[in-house]
Amino acid sequence: QVQLVESGGGLVQAGGSLRLSCAASGSILVIYTMGWYRQAPGKQRELVATIALGGATNYADSTKGRFTISSDNAKNTVYLQMNSLKPEDTAVYYCNAWLSRDEYWGQGTQVTVSS
């Protein structure tokens, strides 16, 4: 089994910054992709950003230029630096990881951006 534990969420004013972290632990051989998704109240879960084992990144249009995803493969940890936060970024942010054919999710961390 694999566990994903997120940290770093909280309340911030519009224009501010937050940094999320997600550490994977357990029976890990190789993590092929890690990423962040978010779900706002009444909305579907959506992609925020992903990073592949080789370092390739993918961002949602709404986060390009403001958010930066990075990883430390030795620590099985992924980070999300969020700058210029907007009220519409308010959501529960979930960490995601793909290991071979298996997908794992974290429990989520709340990010609230006040106007």
Protein backbone atom coordinates (compact mmCIF):
# COMPACT_ATOMS: atom_id res chain seq x y z
CA GLN A 1 0.00 0.00 0.00
CA VAL A 2 0.97 3.59 -0.63
CA GLN A 3 0.03 6.61 1.44
CA LEU A 4 0.04 10.23 0.29
CA VAL A 5 0.13 12.90 2.97
CA GLU A 6 -0.44 16.53 2.03
CA SER A 7 0.48 19.61 4.01
CA GLY A 8 0.66 23.36 3.56
CA GLY A 9 -2.91 24.40 2.98
CA GLY A 10 -4.53 27.31 4.78
CA LEU A 11 -6.11 30.72 4.52
CA VAL A 12 -4.46 33.47 2.52
CA GLN A 13 -5.48 36.82 1.09
CA ALA A 14 -5.81 37.34 -2.64
CA GLY A 15 -2.42 37.97 -4.17
CA GLY A 16 -0.68 35.90 -1.55
CA SER A 17 1.26 32.64 -1.79
CA LEU A 18 1.12 29.14 -0.38
CA ARG A 19 3.29 26.08 -0.82
CA LEU A 20 1.76 22.61 -0.71
CA SER A 21 3.75 19.45 -0.09
CA CYS A 22 2.84 15.80 -0.60
CA ALA A 23 4.97 12.93 0.61
CA ALA A 24 4.43 9.38 -0.59
CA SER A 25 5.33 6.43 1.58
CA GLY A 26 4.80 2.69 1.64
CA SER A 27 5.48 0.01 -0.95
CA ILE A 28 7.02 2.22 -3.61
CA LEU A 29 9.21 1.02 -6.47
CA VAL A 30 8.76 3.80 -8.98
CA ILE A 31 6.41 6.78 -9.05
CA TYR A 32 5.77 7.64 -12.68
CA THR A 33 3.69 10.76 -12.20
CA MET A 34 2.70 12.93 -9.27
CA GLY A 35 0.34 15.81 -9.37
CA TRP A 36 -2.24 18.05 -7.81
CA TYR A 37 -5.95 18.26 -8.44
CA ARG A 38 -8.53 20.44 -6.76
CA GLN A 39 -12.24 20.40 -6.08
CA ALA A 40 -14.28 23.45 -5.22
CA PRO A 41 -17.74 23.15 -3.63
CA GLY A 42 -20.30 22.07 -6.17
CA LYS A 43 -17.71 21.48 -8.87
CA GLN A 44 -15.92 18.48 -10.29
CA ARG A 45 -12.35 17.66 -9.40
CA GLU A 46 -9.98 19.27 -11.88
CA LEU A 47 -6.33 19.12 -12.83
CA VAL A 48 -4.00 21.69 -11.34
CA ALA A 49 -0.58 20.41 -12.40
CA THR A 50 1.35 17.19 -12.87
CA ILE A 51 5.02 16.25 -13.06
CA ALA A 52 6.40 13.09 -14.60
CA LEU A 53 9.36 11.04 -13.48
CA GLY A 54 11.58 12.66 -16.11
CA GLY A 55 10.53 16.14 -15.05
CA ALA A 56 7.98 16.99 -17.71
CA THR A 57 5.23 19.18 -16.32
CA ASN A 58 1.65 19.88 -17.28
CA TYR A 59 -0.52 22.73 -16.02
CA ALA A 60 -4.13 23.72 -16.23
CA ASP A 61 -4.57 26.93 -18.20
CA SER A 62 -5.93 28.63 -15.08
CA THR A 63 -2.71 28.00 -13.15
CA LYS A 64 -0.03 28.58 -15.78
CA GLY A 65 2.35 31.35 -14.83
CA ARG A 66 1.15 31.43 -11.22
CA PHE A 67 1.71 27.91 -9.93
CA THR A 68 4.89 25.84 -10.11
CA ILE A 69 5.06 22.10 -9.54
CA SER A 70 8.32 20.42 -8.55
CA SER A 71 9.44 17.14 -7.07
CA ASP A 72 12.16 15.50 -5.06
CA ASN A 73 12.30 11.96 -6.39
CA ALA A 74 14.68 10.81 -3.67
CA LYS A 75 12.08 11.80 -1.07
CA ASN A 76 9.02 10.75 -3.14
CA THR A 77 7.68 14.24 -2.54
CA VAL A 78 5.92 16.71 -4.79
CA TYR A 79 5.48 20.41 -4.15
CA LEU A 80 3.13 23.05 -5.48
CA GLN A 81 4.19 26.67 -5.16
CA MET A 82 1.13 28.85 -5.60
CA ASN A 83 1.62 32.56 -6.20
CA SER A 84 -0.78 35.39 -7.04
CA LEU A 85 -3.61 33.41 -5.52
CA LYS A 86 -7.17 34.34 -6.45
CA PRO A 87 -10.47 33.68 -4.64
CA GLU A 88 -11.37 31.24 -7.43
CA ASP A 89 -8.39 29.10 -6.38
CA THR A 90 -10.29 28.22 -3.21
CA ALA A 91 -10.74 24.45 -3.11
CA VAL A 92 -9.63 21.22 -1.51
CA TYR A 93 -6.34 20.29 -3.12
CA TYR A 94 -5.60 16.60 -3.59
CA CYS A 95 -2.26 14.96 -4.23
CA ASN A 96 -2.22 12.22 -6.86
CA ALA A 97 0.37 9.60 -7.77
CA TRP A 98 0.62 6.89 -10.41
CA LEU A 99 2.71 3.84 -9.66
CA SER A 100 2.67 1.39 -12.58
CA ARG A 101 -1.05 0.62 -13.02
CA ASP A 102 -2.16 1.88 -9.61
CA GLU A 103 -3.41 5.36 -8.80
CA TYR A 104 -3.37 6.85 -5.33
CA TRP A 105 -4.92 9.93 -3.76
CA GLY A 106 -4.19 11.94 -0.65
CA GLN A 107 -6.85 13.00 1.82
CA GLY A 108 -6.85 16.59 0.60
CA THR A 109 -5.85 19.92 2.08
CA GLN A 110 -8.04 23.02 2.14
CA VAL A 111 -6.85 26.19 0.44
CA THR A 112 -8.97 29.28 1.03
CA VAL A 113 -8.24 32.58 -0.67
CA SER A 114 -10.06 35.60 0.71
CA SER A 115 -10.83 38.66 -1.40
